Amino acid sequence: LLDGGAPFYGVYETADGEHMAIGALEPRFYAELLAGLGLDGL
């Protein structure tokens, strides 16, 4: 969960070559992550 194995706890590259850190472990936080990314409902 905490070593980069979980896709919802890790670091992702952005369009400008920078990075975002996500730690959406709990389901309700994960739901907000998907909503922000436009992936909610999937």
ModelCIF file with pLDDT and N, C-alpha, C, O atoms, coordinates in Angstrom:
data_MODEL
#
_entry.id   MODEL 
#
_entity.id                         1 
_entity.type                       polymer 
_entity.pdbx_number_of_molecules   1 
#
_entity_poly.entity_id                      1 
_entity_poly.type                           'polypeptide(L)' 
_entity_poly.nstd_linkage                   no 
_entity_poly.nstd_monomer                   no 
_entity_poly.pdbx_seq_one_letter_code       LLDGGAPFYGVYETADGEHMAIGALEPRFYAELLAGLGLDGL 
_entity_poly.pdbx_seq_one_letter_code_can   LLDGGAPFYGVYETADGEHMAIGALEPRFYAELLAGLGLDGL 
_entity_poly.pdbx_strand_id                 A 
#
loop_
_entity_poly_seq.entity_id 
_entity_poly_seq.num 
_entity_poly_seq.mon_id 
_entity_poly_seq.hetero 
1 1  LEU n 
1 2  LEU n 
1 3  ASP n 
1 4  GLY n 
1 5  GLY n 
1 6  ALA n 
1 7  PRO n 
1 8  PHE n 
1 9  TYR n 
1 10 GLY n 
1 11 VAL n 
1 12 TYR n 
1 13 GLU n 
1 14 THR n 
1 15 ALA n 
1 16 ASP n 
1 17 GLY n 
1 18 GLU n 
1 19 HIS n 
1 20 MET n 
1 21 ALA n 
1 22 ILE n 
1 23 GLY n 
1 24 ALA n 
1 25 LEU n 
1 26 GLU n 
1 27 PRO n 
1 28 ARG n 
1 29 PHE n 
1 30 TYR n 
1 31 ALA n 
1 32 GLU n 
1 33 LEU n 
1 34 LEU n 
1 35 ALA n 
1 36 GLY n 
1 37 LEU n 
1 38 GLY n 
1 39 LEU n 
1 40 ASP n 
1 41 GLY n 
1 42 LEU n 
#
_struct_asym.id          A 
_struct_asym.entity_id   1 
#
loop_
_ma_qa_metric.id 
_ma_qa_metric.mode 
_ma_qa_metric.name 
_ma_qa_metric.software_group_id 
_ma_qa_metric.type 
1 global pLDDT . pLDDT 
2 local  pLDDT . pLDDT 
#
_ma_qa_metric_global.metric_id      1 
_ma_qa_metric_global.metric_value   94.88 
_ma_qa_metric_global.model_id       1 
_ma_qa_metric_global.ordinal_id     1 
#
loop_
_ma_qa_metric_local.label_asym_id 
_ma_qa_metric_local.label_comp_id 
_ma_qa_metric_local.label_seq_id 
_ma_qa_metric_local.metric_id 
_ma_qa_metric_local.metric_value 
_ma_qa_metric_local.model_id 
_ma_qa_metric_local.ordinal_id 
A LEU 1  2 94.00 1 1  
A LEU 2  2 96.00 1 2  
A ASP 3  2 96.00 1 3  
A GLY 4  2 94.00 1 4  
A GLY 5  2 95.00 1 5  
A ALA 6  2 97.00 1 6  
A PRO 7  2 97.00 1 7  
A PHE 8  2 98.00 1 8  
A TYR 9  2 98.00 1 9  
A GLY 10 2 97.00 1 10 
A VAL 11 2 98.00 1 11 
A TYR 12 2 98.00 1 12 
A GLU 13 2 98.00 1 13 
A THR 14 2 98.00 1 14 
A ALA 15 2 98.00 1 15 
A ASP 16 2 98.00 1 16 
A GLY 17 2 98.00 1 17 
A GLU 18 2 98.00 1 18 
A HIS 19 2 98.00 1 19 
A MET 20 2 98.00 1 20 
A ALA 21 2 98.00 1 21 
A ILE 22 2 98.00 1 22 
A GLY 23 2 98.00 1 23 
A ALA 24 2 98.00 1 24 
A LEU 25 2 97.00 1 25 
A GLU 26 2 97.00 1 26 
A PRO 27 2 96.00 1 27 
A ARG 28 2 96.00 1 28 
A PHE 29 2 97.00 1 29 
A TYR 30 2 97.00 1 30 
A ALA 31 2 96.00 1 31 
A GLU 32 2 97.00 1 32 
A LEU 33 2 97.00 1 33 
A LEU 34 2 96.00 1 34 
A ALA 35 2 96.00 1 35 
A GLY 36 2 97.00 1 36 
A LEU 37 2 96.00 1 37 
A GLY 38 2 94.00 1 38 
A LEU 39 2 93.00 1 39 
A ASP 40 2 83.00 1 40 
A GLY 41 2 66.00 1 41 
A LEU 42 2 60.00 1 42 
#
loop_
_atom_site.group_PDB 
_atom_site.id 
_atom_site.type_symbol 
_atom_site.label_atom_id 
_atom_site.label_alt_id 
_atom_site.label_comp_id 
_atom_site.label_asym_id 
_atom_site.label_entity_id 
_atom_site.label_seq_id 
_atom_site.pdbx_PDB_ins_code 
_atom_site.Cartn_x 
_atom_site.Cartn_y 
_atom_site.Cartn_z 
_atom_site.occupancy 
_atom_site.B_iso_or_equiv 
_atom_site.pdbx_formal_charge 
_atom_site.auth_seq_id 
_atom_site.auth_comp_id 
_atom_site.auth_asym_id 
_atom_site.auth_atom_id 
_atom_site.pdbx_PDB_model_num 
ATOM 1   N N  . LEU A 1 1  ? 0.798   -1.220 0.000   1.00 94.00 ? 1  LEU A N  1 
ATOM 2   C CA . LEU A 1 1  ? 0.000   0.000  0.000   1.00 94.00 ? 1  LEU A CA 1 
ATOM 3   C C  . LEU A 1 1  ? 0.830   1.269  0.000   1.00 94.00 ? 1  LEU A C  1 
ATOM 4   O O  . LEU A 1 1  ? 0.486   2.226  -0.695  1.00 94.00 ? 1  LEU A O  1 
ATOM 5   N N  . LEU A 1 2  ? 1.923   1.302  0.769   1.00 96.00 ? 2  LEU A N  1 
ATOM 6   C CA . LEU A 1 2  ? 2.644   2.555  1.008   1.00 96.00 ? 2  LEU A CA 1 
ATOM 7   C C  . LEU A 1 2  ? 3.980   2.643  0.292   1.00 96.00 ? 2  LEU A C  1 
ATOM 8   O O  . LEU A 1 2  ? 4.706   3.616  0.498   1.00 96.00 ? 2  LEU A O  1 
ATOM 9   N N  . ASP A 1 3  ? 4.336   1.679  -0.532  1.00 96.00 ? 3  ASP A N  1 
ATOM 10  C CA . ASP A 1 3  ? 5.648   1.703  -1.196  1.00 96.00 ? 3  ASP A CA 1 
ATOM 11  C C  . ASP A 1 3  ? 5.545   1.930  -2.700  1.00 96.00 ? 3  ASP A C  1 
ATOM 12  O O  . ASP A 1 3  ? 6.481   1.629  -3.441  1.00 96.00 ? 3  ASP A O  1 
ATOM 13  N N  . GLY A 1 4  ? 4.424   2.454  -3.143  1.00 94.00 ? 4  GLY A N  1 
ATOM 14  C CA . GLY A 1 4  ? 4.240   2.673  -4.573  1.00 94.00 ? 4  GLY A CA 1 
ATOM 15  C C  . GLY A 1 4  ? 3.542   1.532  -5.273  1.00 94.00 ? 4  GLY A C  1 
ATOM 16  O O  . GLY A 1 4  ? 3.258   1.624  -6.467  1.00 94.00 ? 4  GLY A O  1 
ATOM 17  N N  . GLY A 1 5  ? 3.258   0.459  -4.558  1.00 95.00 ? 5  GLY A N  1 
ATOM 18  C CA . GLY A 1 5  ? 2.579   -0.672 -5.175  1.00 95.00 ? 5  GLY A CA 1 
ATOM 19  C C  . GLY A 1 5  ? 1.128   -0.369 -5.501  1.00 95.00 ? 5  GLY A C  1 
ATOM 20  O O  . GLY A 1 5  ? 0.621   -0.787 -6.541  1.00 95.00 ? 5  GLY A O  1 
ATOM 21  N N  . ALA A 1 6  ? 0.456   0.360  -4.611  1.00 97.00 ? 6  ALA A N  1 
ATOM 22  C CA . ALA A 1 6  ? -0.942  0.719  -4.833  1.00 97.00 ? 6  ALA A CA 1 
ATOM 23  C C  . ALA A 1 6  ? -1.018  1.909  -5.778  1.00 97.00 ? 6  ALA A C  1 
ATOM 24  O O  . ALA A 1 6  ? -0.348  2.914  -5.542  1.00 97.00 ? 6  ALA A O  1 
ATOM 25  N N  . PRO A 1 7  ? -1.812  1.829  -6.839  1.00 97.00 ? 7  PRO A N  1 
ATOM 26  C CA . PRO A 1 7  ? -1.882  2.941  -7.801  1.00 97.00 ? 7  PRO A CA 1 
ATOM 27  C C  . PRO A 1 7  ? -2.484  4.207  -7.223  1.00 97.00 ? 7  PRO A C  1 
ATOM 28  O O  . PRO A 1 7  ? -2.304  5.289  -7.782  1.00 97.00 ? 7  PRO A O  1 
ATOM 29  N N  . PHE A 1 8  ? -3.198  4.088  -6.108  1.00 98.00 ? 8  PHE A N  1 
ATOM 30  C CA . PHE A 1 8  ? -3.812  5.265  -5.486  1.00 98.00 ? 8  PHE A CA 1 
ATOM 31  C C  . PHE A 1 8  ? -2.945  5.834  -4.360  1.00 98.00 ? 8  PHE A C  1 
ATOM 32  O O  . PHE A 1 8  ? -3.401  6.680  -3.591  1.00 98.00 ? 8  PHE A O  1 
ATOM 33  N N  . TYR A 1 9  ? -1.700  5.370  -4.264  1.00 98.00 ? 9  TYR A N  1 
ATOM 34  C CA . TYR A 1 9  ? -0.735  5.946  -3.312  1.00 98.00 ? 9  TYR A CA 1 
ATOM 35  C C  . TYR A 1 9  ? 0.614   5.985  -4.022  1.00 98.00 ? 9  TYR A C  1 
ATOM 36  O O  . TYR A 1 9  ? 1.385   5.026  -3.974  1.00 98.00 ? 9  TYR A O  1 
ATOM 37  N N  . GLY A 1 10 ? 0.880   7.097  -4.672  1.00 97.00 ? 10 GLY A N  1 
ATOM 38  C CA . GLY A 1 10 ? 2.113   7.177  -5.449  1.00 97.00 ? 10 GLY A CA 1 
ATOM 39  C C  . GLY A 1 10 ? 2.268   8.533  -6.110  1.00 97.00 ? 10 GLY A C  1 
ATOM 40  O O  . GLY A 1 10 ? 1.607   9.501  -5.732  1.00 97.00 ? 10 GLY A O  1 
ATOM 41  N N  . VAL A 1 11 ? 3.137   8.595  -7.093  1.00 98.00 ? 11 VAL A N  1 
ATOM 42  C CA . VAL A 1 11 ? 3.485   9.842  -7.762  1.00 98.00 ? 11 VAL A CA 1 
ATOM 43  C C  . VAL A 1 11 ? 3.238   9.680  -9.257  1.00 98.00 ? 11 VAL A C  1 
ATOM 44  O O  . VAL A 1 11 ? 3.576   8.653  -9.846  1.00 98.00 ? 11 VAL A O  1 
ATOM 45  N N  . TYR A 1 12 ? 2.638   10.717 -9.871  1.00 98.00 ? 12 TYR A N  1 
ATOM 46  C CA . TYR A 1 12 ? 2.304   10.664 -11.290 1.00 98.00 ? 12 TYR A CA 1 
ATOM 47  C C  . TYR A 1 12 ? 2.857   11.887 -12.015 1.00 98.00 ? 12 TYR A C  1 
ATOM 48  O O  . TYR A 1 12 ? 2.834   13.003 -11.497 1.00 98.00 ? 12 TYR A O  1 
ATOM 49  N N  . GLU A 1 13 ? 3.348   11.649 -13.213 1.00 98.00 ? 13 GLU A N  1 
ATOM 50  C CA . GLU A 1 13 ? 3.891   12.727 -14.044 1.00 98.00 ? 13 GLU A CA 1 
ATOM 51  C C  . GLU A 1 13 ? 2.755   13.511 -14.678 1.00 98.00 ? 13 GLU A C  1 
ATOM 52  O O  . GLU A 1 13 ? 1.717   12.955 -15.038 1.00 98.00 ? 13 GLU A O  1 
ATOM 53  N N  . THR A 1 14 ? 2.974   14.815 -14.807 1.00 98.00 ? 14 THR A N  1 
ATOM 54  C CA . THR A 1 14 ? 1.981   15.694 -15.413 1.00 98.00 ? 14 THR A CA 1 
ATOM 55  C C  . THR A 1 14 ? 2.450   16.141 -16.798 1.00 98.00 ? 14 THR A C  1 
ATOM 56  O O  . THR A 1 14 ? 3.542   15.785 -17.240 1.00 98.00 ? 14 THR A O  1 
ATOM 57  N N  . ALA A 1 15 ? 1.606   16.929 -17.479 1.00 98.00 ? 15 ALA A N  1 
ATOM 58  C CA . ALA A 1 15 ? 1.883   17.293 -18.870 1.00 98.00 ? 15 ALA A CA 1 
ATOM 59  C C  . ALA A 1 15 ? 3.174   18.079 -19.029 1.00 98.00 ? 15 ALA A C  1 
ATOM 60  O O  . ALA A 1 15 ? 3.785   18.042 -20.097 1.00 98.00 ? 15 ALA A O  1 
ATOM 61  N N  . ASP A 1 16 ? 3.599   18.783 -18.002 1.00 98.00 ? 16 ASP A N  1 
ATOM 62  C CA . ASP A 1 16 ? 4.805   19.608 -18.085 1.00 98.00 ? 16 ASP A CA 1 
ATOM 63  C C  . ASP A 1 16 ? 6.031   18.910 -17.516 1.00 98.00 ? 16 ASP A C  1 
ATOM 64  O O  . ASP A 1 16 ? 7.055   19.555 -17.290 1.00 98.00 ? 16 ASP A O  1 
ATOM 65  N N  . GLY A 1 17 ? 5.946   17.603 -17.280 1.00 98.00 ? 17 GLY A N  1 
ATOM 66  C CA . GLY A 1 17 ? 7.100   16.879 -16.761 1.00 98.00 ? 17 GLY A CA 1 
ATOM 67  C C  . GLY A 1 17 ? 7.280   16.999 -15.265 1.00 98.00 ? 17 GLY A C  1 
ATOM 68  O O  . GLY A 1 17 ? 8.264   16.500 -14.718 1.00 98.00 ? 17 GLY A O  1 
ATOM 69  N N  . GLU A 1 18 ? 6.342   17.658 -14.587 1.00 98.00 ? 18 GLU A N  1 
ATOM 70  C CA . GLU A 1 18 ? 6.373   17.729 -13.134 1.00 98.00 ? 18 GLU A CA 1 
ATOM 71  C C  . GLU A 1 18 ? 5.568   16.553 -12.569 1.00 98.00 ? 18 GLU A C  1 
ATOM 72  O O  . GLU A 1 18 ? 5.222   15.627 -13.303 1.00 98.00 ? 18 GLU A O  1 
ATOM 73  N N  . HIS A 1 19 ? 5.272   16.590 -11.275 1.00 98.00 ? 19 HIS A N  1 
ATOM 74  C CA . HIS A 1 19 ? 4.615   15.429 -10.663 1.00 98.00 ? 19 HIS A CA 1 
ATOM 75  C C  . HIS A 1 19 ? 3.582   15.842 -9.623  1.00 98.00 ? 19 HIS A C  1 
ATOM 76  O O  . HIS A 1 19 ? 3.668   16.907 -9.010  1.00 98.00 ? 19 HIS A O  1 
ATOM 77  N N  . MET A 1 20 ? 2.603   14.956 -9.447  1.00 98.00 ? 20 MET A N  1 
ATOM 78  C CA . MET A 1 20 ? 1.607   15.075 -8.381  1.00 98.00 ? 20 MET A CA 1 
ATOM 79  C C  . MET A 1 20 ? 1.707   13.850 -7.485  1.00 98.00 ? 20 MET A C  1 
ATOM 80  O O  . MET A 1 20 ? 1.935   12.739 -7.964  1.00 98.00 ? 20 MET A O  1 
ATOM 81  N N  . ALA A 1 21 ? 1.536   14.055 -6.186  1.00 98.00 ? 21 ALA A N  1 
ATOM 82  C CA . ALA A 1 21 ? 1.544   12.961 -5.212  1.00 98.00 ? 21 ALA A CA 1 
ATOM 83  C C  . ALA A 1 21 ? 0.116   12.686 -4.773  1.00 98.00 ? 21 ALA A C  1 
ATOM 84  O O  . ALA A 1 21 ? -0.619  13.610 -4.426  1.00 98.00 ? 21 ALA A O  1 
ATOM 85  N N  . ILE A 1 22 ? -0.281  11.418 -4.787  1.00 98.00 ? 22 ILE A N  1 
ATOM 86  C CA . ILE A 1 22 ? -1.636  11.068 -4.353  1.00 98.00 ? 22 ILE A CA 1 
ATOM 87  C C  . ILE A 1 22 ? -1.551  10.039 -3.235  1.00 98.00 ? 22 ILE A C  1 
ATOM 88  O O  . ILE A 1 22 ? -0.698  9.151  -3.238  1.00 98.00 ? 22 ILE A O  1 
ATOM 89  N N  . GLY A 1 23 ? -2.471  10.188 -2.272  1.00 98.00 ? 23 GLY A N  1 
ATOM 90  C CA . GLY A 1 23 ? -2.528  9.248  -1.148  1.00 98.00 ? 23 GLY A CA 1 
ATOM 91  C C  . GLY A 1 23 ? -3.962  8.916  -0.800  1.00 98.00 ? 23 GLY A C  1 
ATOM 92  O O  . GLY A 1 23 ? -4.347  8.934  0.369   1.00 98.00 ? 23 GLY A O  1 
ATOM 93  N N  . ALA A 1 24 ? -4.760  8.611  -1.826  1.00 98.00 ? 24 ALA A N  1 
ATOM 94  C CA . ALA A 1 24 ? -6.192  8.384  -1.640  1.00 98.00 ? 24 ALA A CA 1 
ATOM 95  C C  . ALA A 1 24 ? -6.464  6.952  -1.189  1.00 98.00 ? 24 ALA A C  1 
ATOM 96  O O  . ALA A 1 24 ? -7.002  6.152  -1.955  1.00 98.00 ? 24 ALA A O  1 
ATOM 97  N N  . LEU A 1 25 ? -6.101  6.629  0.031   1.00 97.00 ? 25 LEU A N  1 
ATOM 98  C CA . LEU A 1 25 ? -6.243  5.264  0.539   1.00 97.00 ? 25 LEU A CA 1 
ATOM 99  C C  . LEU A 1 25 ? -7.696  4.911  0.845   1.00 97.00 ? 25 LEU A C  1 
ATOM 100 O O  . LEU A 1 25 ? -8.184  3.860  0.429   1.00 97.00 ? 25 LEU A O  1 
ATOM 101 N N  . GLU A 1 26 ? -8.383  5.784  1.570   1.00 97.00 ? 26 GLU A N  1 
ATOM 102 C CA . GLU A 1 26 ? -9.749  5.493  1.980   1.00 97.00 ? 26 GLU A CA 1 
ATOM 103 C C  . GLU A 1 26 ? -10.706 5.631  0.796   1.00 97.00 ? 26 GLU A C  1 
ATOM 104 O O  . GLU A 1 26 ? -10.505 6.491  -0.061  1.00 97.00 ? 26 GLU A O  1 
ATOM 105 N N  . PRO A 1 27 ? -11.746 4.793  0.739   1.00 96.00 ? 27 PRO A N  1 
ATOM 106 C CA . PRO A 1 27 ? -12.672 4.822  -0.397  1.00 96.00 ? 27 PRO A CA 1 
ATOM 107 C C  . PRO A 1 27 ? -13.269 6.195  -0.677  1.00 96.00 ? 27 PRO A C  1 
ATOM 108 O O  . PRO A 1 27 ? -13.396 6.584  -1.839  1.00 96.00 ? 27 PRO A O  1 
ATOM 109 N N  . ARG A 1 28 ? -13.639 6.938  0.367   1.00 96.00 ? 28 ARG A N  1 
ATOM 110 C CA . ARG A 1 28 ? -14.258 8.240  0.106   1.00 96.00 ? 28 ARG A CA 1 
ATOM 111 C C  . ARG A 1 28 ? -13.258 9.246  -0.448  1.00 96.00 ? 28 ARG A C  1 
ATOM 112 O O  . ARG A 1 28 ? -13.622 10.115 -1.241  1.00 96.00 ? 28 ARG A O  1 
ATOM 113 N N  . PHE A 1 29 ? -12.000 9.132  -0.033  1.00 97.00 ? 29 PHE A N  1 
ATOM 114 C CA . PHE A 1 29 ? -10.976 9.997  -0.598  1.00 97.00 ? 29 PHE A CA 1 
ATOM 115 C C  . PHE A 1 29 ? -10.675 9.584  -2.038  1.00 97.00 ? 29 PHE A C  1 
ATOM 116 O O  . PHE A 1 29 ? -10.450 10.426 -2.907  1.00 97.00 ? 29 PHE A O  1 
ATOM 117 N N  . TYR A 1 30 ? -10.674 8.277  -2.270  1.00 97.00 ? 30 TYR A N  1 
ATOM 118 C CA . TYR A 1 30 ? -10.439 7.759  -3.615  1.00 97.00 ? 30 TYR A CA 1 
ATOM 119 C C  . TYR A 1 30 ? -11.545 8.217  -4.573  1.00 97.00 ? 30 TYR A C  1 
ATOM 120 O O  . TYR A 1 30 ? -11.290 8.511  -5.741  1.00 97.00 ? 30 TYR A O  1 
ATOM 121 N N  . ALA A 1 31 ? -12.769 8.272  -4.059  1.00 96.00 ? 31 ALA A N  1 
ATOM 122 C CA . ALA A 1 31 ? -13.877 8.745  -4.889  1.00 96.00 ? 31 ALA A CA 1 
ATOM 123 C C  . ALA A 1 31 ? -13.661 10.200 -5.306  1.00 96.00 ? 31 ALA A C  1 
ATOM 124 O O  . ALA A 1 31 ? -13.971 10.579 -6.436  1.00 96.00 ? 31 ALA A O  1 
ATOM 125 N N  . GLU A 1 32 ? -13.126 11.015 -4.390  1.00 97.00 ? 32 GLU A N  1 
ATOM 126 C CA . GLU A 1 32 ? -12.846 12.410 -4.736  1.00 97.00 ? 32 GLU A CA 1 
ATOM 127 C C  . GLU A 1 32 ? -11.707 12.514 -5.740  1.00 97.00 ? 32 GLU A C  1 
ATOM 128 O O  . GLU A 1 32 ? -11.713 13.393 -6.602  1.00 97.00 ? 32 GLU A O  1 
ATOM 129 N N  . LEU A 1 33 ? -10.731 11.619 -5.631  1.00 97.00 ? 33 LEU A N  1 
ATOM 130 C CA . LEU A 1 33 ? -9.653  11.585 -6.618  1.00 97.00 ? 33 LEU A CA 1 
ATOM 131 C C  . LEU A 1 33 ? -10.228 11.321 -8.009  1.00 97.00 ? 33 LEU A C  1 
ATOM 132 O O  . LEU A 1 33 ? -9.910  12.033 -8.961  1.00 97.00 ? 33 LEU A O  1 
ATOM 133 N N  . LEU A 1 34 ? -11.065 10.308 -8.123  1.00 96.00 ? 34 LEU A N  1 
ATOM 134 C CA . LEU A 1 34 ? -11.646 9.981  -9.428  1.00 96.00 ? 34 LEU A CA 1 
ATOM 135 C C  . LEU A 1 34 ? -12.496 11.130 -9.954  1.00 96.00 ? 34 LEU A C  1 
ATOM 136 O O  . LEU A 1 34 ? -12.494 11.410 -11.152 1.00 96.00 ? 34 LEU A O  1 
ATOM 137 N N  . ALA A 1 35 ? -13.223 11.795 -9.060  1.00 96.00 ? 35 ALA A N  1 
ATOM 138 C CA . ALA A 1 35 ? -14.046 12.919 -9.489  1.00 96.00 ? 35 ALA A CA 1 
ATOM 139 C C  . ALA A 1 35 ? -13.187 14.042 -10.050 1.00 96.00 ? 35 ALA A C  1 
ATOM 140 O O  . ALA A 1 35 ? -13.507 14.618 -11.089 1.00 96.00 ? 35 ALA A O  1 
ATOM 141 N N  . GLY A 1 36 ? -12.099 14.348 -9.362  1.00 97.00 ? 36 GLY A N  1 
ATOM 142 C CA . GLY A 1 36 ? -11.219 15.410 -9.844  1.00 97.00 ? 36 GLY A CA 1 
ATOM 143 C C  . GLY A 1 36 ? -10.575 15.079 -11.176 1.00 97.00 ? 36 GLY A C  1 
ATOM 144 O O  . GLY A 1 36 ? -10.339 15.963 -11.999 1.00 97.00 ? 36 GLY A O  1 
ATOM 145 N N  . LEU A 1 37 ? -10.291 13.799 -11.386 1.00 96.00 ? 37 LEU A N  1 
ATOM 146 C CA . LEU A 1 37 ? -9.677  13.364 -12.643 1.00 96.00 ? 37 LEU A CA 1 
ATOM 147 C C  . LEU A 1 37 ? -10.696 13.171 -13.761 1.00 96.00 ? 37 LEU A C  1 
ATOM 148 O O  . LEU A 1 37 ? -10.328 12.908 -14.906 1.00 96.00 ? 37 LEU A O  1 
ATOM 149 N N  . GLY A 1 38 ? -11.974 13.302 -13.425 1.00 94.00 ? 38 GLY A N  1 
ATOM 150 C CA . GLY A 1 38 ? -13.002 13.071 -14.424 1.00 94.00 ? 38 GLY A CA 1 
ATOM 151 C C  . GLY A 1 38 ? -13.261 11.603 -14.681 1.00 94.00 ? 38 GLY A C  1 
ATOM 152 O O  . GLY A 1 38 ? -13.785 11.235 -15.732 1.00 94.00 ? 38 GLY A O  1 
ATOM 153 N N  . LEU A 1 39 ? -12.896 10.757 -13.721 1.00 93.00 ? 39 LEU A N  1 
ATOM 154 C CA . LEU A 1 39 ? -13.069 9.308  -13.879 1.00 93.00 ? 39 LEU A CA 1 
ATOM 155 C C  . LEU A 1 39 ? -14.153 8.759  -12.961 1.00 93.00 ? 39 LEU A C  1 
ATOM 156 O O  . LEU A 1 39 ? -14.308 7.542  -12.859 1.00 93.00 ? 39 LEU A O  1 
ATOM 157 N N  . ASP A 1 40 ? -14.912 9.631  -12.286 1.00 83.00 ? 40 ASP A N  1 
ATOM 158 C CA . ASP A 1 40 ? -15.945 9.141  -11.385 1.00 83.00 ? 40 ASP A CA 1 
ATOM 159 C C  . ASP A 1 40 ? -17.049 8.457  -12.187 1.00 83.00 ? 40 ASP A C  1 
ATOM 160 O O  . ASP A 1 40 ? -17.356 8.837  -13.317 1.00 83.00 ? 40 ASP A O  1 
ATOM 161 N N  . GLY A 1 41 ? -17.628 7.444  -11.569 1.00 66.00 ? 41 GLY A N  1 
ATOM 162 C CA . GLY A 1 41 ? -18.631 6.639  -12.243 1.00 66.00 ? 41 GLY A CA 1 
ATOM 163 C C  . GLY A 1 41 ? -18.032 5.464  -12.976 1.00 66.00 ? 41 GLY A C  1 
ATOM 164 O O  . GLY A 1 41 ? -18.756 4.610  -13.489 1.00 66.00 ? 41 GLY A O  1 
ATOM 165 N N  . LEU A 1 42 ? -16.687 5.412  -13.029 1.00 60.00 ? 42 LEU A N  1 
ATOM 166 C CA . LEU A 1 42 ? -16.009 4.308  -13.717 1.00 60.00 ? 42 LEU A CA 1 
ATOM 167 C C  . LEU A 1 42 ? -15.204 3.497  -12.714 1.00 60.00 ? 42 LEU A C  1 
ATOM 168 O O  . LEU A 1 42 ? -14.556 2.520  -13.089 1.00 60.00 ? 42 LEU A O  1 
#
